Amino acid sequence: MPESAGTGRAVTLLVRERCHLCDVALAEVREVCGELGVPWSTEDVDADPEQRAEYGDRVPVILVDGVEHGYWKVEPDRLRAALTR
């Protein structure tokens, strides 16, 4: 996981196993966060019944500072903008 460059931001990607869209989103989040030095992590949405109920039909889900930023696909330019505000 990249070191924080002092942005004060963090990204969480909610994923599930055997999810092609999750694999694509993971690569994009890794790239954007790596460029900006923003820490990021993944969480398996199926490991938590509350998360599965809330987000399970929309994975992958991108959270910025714990707030839903988007789902199904990463929009790299939009994510960069959110992380540099």
N, C-alpha and C. Protein backbone atom coordinates (compact mmCIF):
# COMPACT_ATOMS: atom_id res chain seq x y z
N MET A 1 0.85 -1.17 0.00
CA MET A 1 0.00 0.00 0.00
C MET A 1 0.90 1.24 0.00
N PRO A 2 0.56 2.22 -0.84
CA PRO A 2 1.40 3.41 -0.90
C PRO A 2 1.37 4.21 0.38
N GLU A 3 2.46 4.93 0.63
CA GLU A 3 2.52 5.84 1.77
C GLU A 3 1.70 7.08 1.47
N SER A 4 1.13 7.68 2.48
CA SER A 4 0.38 8.91 2.29
C SER A 4 1.33 10.07 2.03
N ALA A 5 0.94 10.91 1.08
CA ALA A 5 1.75 12.09 0.77
C ALA A 5 1.19 13.30 1.50
N GLY A 6 0.46 13.07 2.58
CA GLY A 6 -0.05 14.17 3.36
C GLY A 6 -1.37 14.71 2.85
N THR A 7 -2.04 13.96 1.98
CA THR A 7 -3.31 14.44 1.44
C THR A 7 -4.42 14.33 2.47
N GLY A 8 -4.24 13.48 3.47
CA GLY A 8 -5.28 13.28 4.46
C GLY A 8 -6.42 12.44 3.93
N ARG A 9 -6.29 11.91 2.74
CA ARG A 9 -7.33 11.12 2.10
C ARG A 9 -6.99 9.64 2.20
N ALA A 10 -8.02 8.82 2.07
CA ALA A 10 -7.83 7.38 2.01
C ALA A 10 -8.93 6.79 1.14
N VAL A 11 -8.59 5.76 0.41
CA VAL A 11 -9.54 5.09 -0.48
C VAL A 11 -9.72 3.66 -0.01
N THR A 12 -10.97 3.22 0.02
CA THR A 12 -11.29 1.83 0.29
C THR A 12 -12.07 1.32 -0.90
N LEU A 13 -11.67 0.16 -1.40
CA LEU A 13 -12.35 -0.47 -2.52
C LEU A 13 -13.06 -1.72 -1.99
N LEU A 14 -14.38 -1.73 -2.09
CA LEU A 14 -15.17 -2.88 -1.66
C LEU A 14 -15.30 -3.82 -2.85
N VAL A 15 -14.87 -5.07 -2.65
CA VAL A 15 -14.79 -6.05 -3.73
C VAL A 15 -15.38 -7.37 -3.27
N ARG A 16 -15.44 -8.31 -4.20
CA ARG A 16 -15.76 -9.70 -3.85
C ARG A 16 -14.92 -10.61 -4.73
N GLU A 17 -14.78 -11.83 -4.29
CA GLU A 17 -13.98 -12.81 -5.03
C GLU A 17 -14.65 -13.12 -6.37
N ARG A 18 -13.80 -13.48 -7.34
CA ARG A 18 -14.26 -13.86 -8.67
C ARG A 18 -15.11 -12.78 -9.33
N CYS A 19 -14.65 -11.55 -9.24
CA CYS A 19 -15.37 -10.39 -9.79
C CYS A 19 -14.43 -9.68 -10.77
N HIS A 20 -14.71 -9.81 -12.05
CA HIS A 20 -13.86 -9.20 -13.07
C HIS A 20 -13.83 -7.68 -12.93
N LEU A 21 -14.97 -7.06 -12.70
CA LEU A 21 -15.01 -5.61 -12.53
C LEU A 21 -14.17 -5.17 -11.33
N CYS A 22 -14.16 -5.99 -10.29
CA CYS A 22 -13.35 -5.69 -9.11
C CYS A 22 -11.87 -5.71 -9.45
N ASP A 23 -11.45 -6.68 -10.26
CA ASP A 23 -10.05 -6.77 -10.67
C ASP A 23 -9.63 -5.52 -11.46
N VAL A 24 -10.49 -5.08 -12.36
CA VAL A 24 -10.21 -3.88 -13.15
C VAL A 24 -10.14 -2.66 -12.24
N ALA A 25 -11.12 -2.53 -11.35
CA ALA A 25 -11.15 -1.39 -10.42
C ALA A 25 -9.93 -1.39 -9.53
N LEU A 26 -9.51 -2.55 -9.07
CA LEU A 26 -8.32 -2.65 -8.21
C LEU A 26 -7.09 -2.09 -8.92
N ALA A 27 -6.90 -2.45 -10.18
CA ALA A 27 -5.75 -1.95 -10.94
C ALA A 27 -5.81 -0.43 -11.08
N GLU A 28 -7.00 0.10 -11.33
CA GLU A 28 -7.15 1.54 -11.52
C GLU A 28 -6.95 2.31 -10.21
N VAL A 29 -7.50 1.80 -9.12
CA VAL A 29 -7.31 2.44 -7.81
C VAL A 29 -5.83 2.40 -7.43
N ARG A 30 -5.19 1.27 -7.65
CA ARG A 30 -3.76 1.14 -7.35
C ARG A 30 -2.96 2.18 -8.13
N GLU A 31 -3.28 2.38 -9.40
CA GLU A 31 -2.56 3.33 -10.22
C GLU A 31 -2.77 4.77 -9.75
N VAL A 32 -4.03 5.17 -9.58
CA VAL A 32 -4.34 6.55 -9.18
C VAL A 32 -3.77 6.85 -7.79
N CYS A 33 -4.01 5.98 -6.85
CA CYS A 33 -3.52 6.22 -5.49
C CYS A 33 -2.00 6.19 -5.44
N GLY A 34 -1.39 5.34 -6.24
CA GLY A 34 0.06 5.31 -6.31
C GLY A 34 0.64 6.61 -6.84
N GLU A 35 0.00 7.16 -7.88
CA GLU A 35 0.44 8.44 -8.44
C GLU A 35 0.40 9.56 -7.40
N LEU A 36 -0.66 9.54 -6.59
CA LEU A 36 -0.92 10.63 -5.66
C LEU A 36 -0.39 10.37 -4.25
N GLY A 37 0.10 9.17 -4.01
CA GLY A 37 0.59 8.84 -2.67
C GLY A 37 -0.51 8.73 -1.64
N VAL A 38 -1.69 8.31 -2.08
CA VAL A 38 -2.85 8.19 -1.20
C VAL A 38 -2.96 6.74 -0.72
N PRO A 39 -3.10 6.51 0.58
CA PRO A 39 -3.26 5.13 1.06
C PRO A 39 -4.60 4.56 0.61
N TRP A 40 -4.59 3.25 0.34
CA TRP A 40 -5.81 2.60 -0.09
C TRP A 40 -5.82 1.17 0.46
N SER A 41 -7.01 0.61 0.49
CA SER A 41 -7.16 -0.76 0.96
C SER A 41 -8.35 -1.38 0.26
N THR A 42 -8.47 -2.69 0.39
CA THR A 42 -9.64 -3.39 -0.12
C THR A 42 -10.33 -4.10 1.03
N GLU A 43 -11.62 -4.28 0.87
CA GLU A 43 -12.41 -5.05 1.83
C GLU A 43 -13.35 -5.95 1.03
N ASP A 44 -13.48 -7.19 1.48
CA ASP A 44 -14.39 -8.15 0.86
C ASP A 44 -15.80 -7.85 1.36
N VAL A 45 -16.65 -7.38 0.48
CA VAL A 45 -18.01 -6.98 0.86
C VAL A 45 -18.80 -8.17 1.42
N ASP A 46 -18.44 -9.38 1.01
CA ASP A 46 -19.17 -10.57 1.47
C ASP A 46 -18.75 -11.02 2.86
N ALA A 47 -17.68 -10.42 3.41
CA ALA A 47 -17.21 -10.80 4.74
C ALA A 47 -18.00 -10.12 5.85
N ASP A 48 -18.78 -9.12 5.50
CA ASP A 48 -19.53 -8.35 6.48
C ASP A 48 -20.99 -8.27 6.04
N PRO A 49 -21.91 -8.87 6.80
CA PRO A 49 -23.32 -8.88 6.39
C PRO A 49 -23.91 -7.48 6.15
N GLU A 50 -23.48 -6.51 6.95
CA GLU A 50 -23.99 -5.14 6.76
C GLU A 50 -23.48 -4.54 5.45
N GLN A 51 -22.21 -4.74 5.17
CA GLN A 51 -21.67 -4.23 3.90
C GLN A 51 -22.30 -4.94 2.72
N ARG A 52 -22.48 -6.26 2.84
CA ARG A 52 -23.10 -7.01 1.75
C ARG A 52 -24.51 -6.50 1.49
N ALA A 53 -25.27 -6.21 2.54
CA ALA A 53 -26.62 -5.70 2.37
C ALA A 53 -26.61 -4.31 1.74
N GLU A 54 -25.66 -3.47 2.15
CA GLU A 54 -25.60 -2.09 1.68
C GLU A 54 -25.04 -1.97 0.27
N TYR A 55 -23.95 -2.71 -0.01
CA TYR A 55 -23.21 -2.50 -1.25
C TYR A 55 -23.15 -3.71 -2.18
N GLY A 56 -23.66 -4.84 -1.75
CA GLY A 56 -23.46 -6.10 -2.46
C GLY A 56 -23.88 -6.14 -3.91
N ASP A 57 -24.89 -5.36 -4.28
CA ASP A 57 -25.34 -5.38 -5.67
C ASP A 57 -24.64 -4.34 -6.52
N ARG A 58 -23.66 -3.62 -5.94
CA ARG A 58 -22.99 -2.55 -6.68
C ARG A 58 -21.48 -2.71 -6.75
N VAL A 59 -20.92 -3.84 -6.33
CA VAL A 59 -19.46 -3.98 -6.30
C VAL A 59 -18.89 -3.93 -7.71
N PRO A 60 -17.70 -3.40 -7.85
CA PRO A 60 -16.89 -2.77 -6.83
C PRO A 60 -17.43 -1.40 -6.45
N VAL A 61 -17.22 -1.03 -5.20
CA VAL A 61 -17.63 0.27 -4.68
C VAL A 61 -16.37 1.00 -4.19
N ILE A 62 -16.25 2.26 -4.60
CA ILE A 62 -15.10 3.07 -4.21
C ILE A 62 -15.55 4.01 -3.10
N LEU A 63 -14.87 3.96 -1.96
CA LEU A 63 -15.13 4.87 -0.85
C LEU A 63 -13.93 5.80 -0.71
N VAL A 64 -14.19 7.08 -0.60
CA VAL A 64 -13.14 8.07 -0.33
C VAL A 64 -13.42 8.61 1.06
N ASP A 65 -12.50 8.40 1.95
CA ASP A 65 -12.66 8.82 3.35
C ASP A 65 -13.94 8.24 3.95
N GLY A 66 -14.27 7.00 3.58
CA GLY A 66 -15.42 6.31 4.13
C GLY A 66 -16.75 6.69 3.51
N VAL A 67 -16.75 7.59 2.51
CA VAL A 67 -17.97 8.03 1.86
C VAL A 67 -18.00 7.47 0.44
N GLU A 68 -19.16 6.95 0.04
CA GLU A 68 -19.27 6.37 -1.30
C GLU A 68 -18.95 7.41 -2.37
N HIS A 69 -18.00 7.05 -3.22
CA HIS A 69 -17.56 7.92 -4.31
C HIS A 69 -18.12 7.42 -5.64
N GLY A 70 -18.25 6.12 -5.79
CA GLY A 70 -18.74 5.55 -7.04
C GLY A 70 -18.82 4.04 -6.94
N TYR A 71 -19.38 3.44 -7.97
CA TYR A 71 -19.50 1.99 -7.99
C TYR A 71 -19.49 1.48 -9.43
N TRP A 72 -19.26 0.19 -9.57
CA TRP A 72 -19.17 -0.57 -10.81
C TRP A 72 -17.91 -0.29 -11.61
N LYS A 73 -17.47 0.97 -11.67
CA LYS A 73 -16.22 1.26 -12.39
C LYS A 73 -15.58 2.50 -11.81
N VAL A 74 -14.27 2.54 -11.92
CA VAL A 74 -13.50 3.70 -11.47
C VAL A 74 -13.44 4.69 -12.63
N GLU A 75 -13.67 5.93 -12.33
CA GLU A 75 -13.44 7.00 -13.31
C GLU A 75 -12.17 7.69 -12.84
N PRO A 76 -11.01 7.32 -13.41
CA PRO A 76 -9.73 7.79 -12.89
C PRO A 76 -9.63 9.31 -12.73
N ASP A 77 -10.07 10.08 -13.71
CA ASP A 77 -9.96 11.54 -13.59
C ASP A 77 -10.83 12.07 -12.46
N ARG A 78 -12.02 11.51 -12.31
CA ARG A 78 -12.91 11.93 -11.23
C ARG A 78 -12.33 11.57 -9.87
N LEU A 79 -11.72 10.37 -9.77
CA LEU A 79 -11.10 9.95 -8.51
C LEU A 79 -9.91 10.86 -8.19
N ARG A 80 -9.07 11.14 -9.18
CA ARG A 80 -7.95 12.05 -8.96
C ARG A 80 -8.45 13.41 -8.42
N ALA A 81 -9.50 13.93 -9.04
CA ALA A 81 -10.04 15.23 -8.62
C ALA A 81 -10.51 15.17 -7.17
N ALA A 82 -11.20 14.11 -6.81
CA ALA A 82 -11.70 13.98 -5.43
C ALA A 82 -10.55 13.88 -4.43
N LEU A 83 -9.46 13.26 -4.83
CA LEU A 83 -8.34 13.05 -3.92
C LEU A 83 -7.43 14.26 -3.81
N THR A 84 -7.55 15.20 -4.71
CA THR A 84 -6.67 16.36 -4.67
C THR A 84 -7.41 17.63 -4.27
N ARG A 85 -8.68 17.51 -3.91
CA ARG A 85 -9.43 18.69 -3.45
C ARG A 85 -8.97 19.11 -2.09
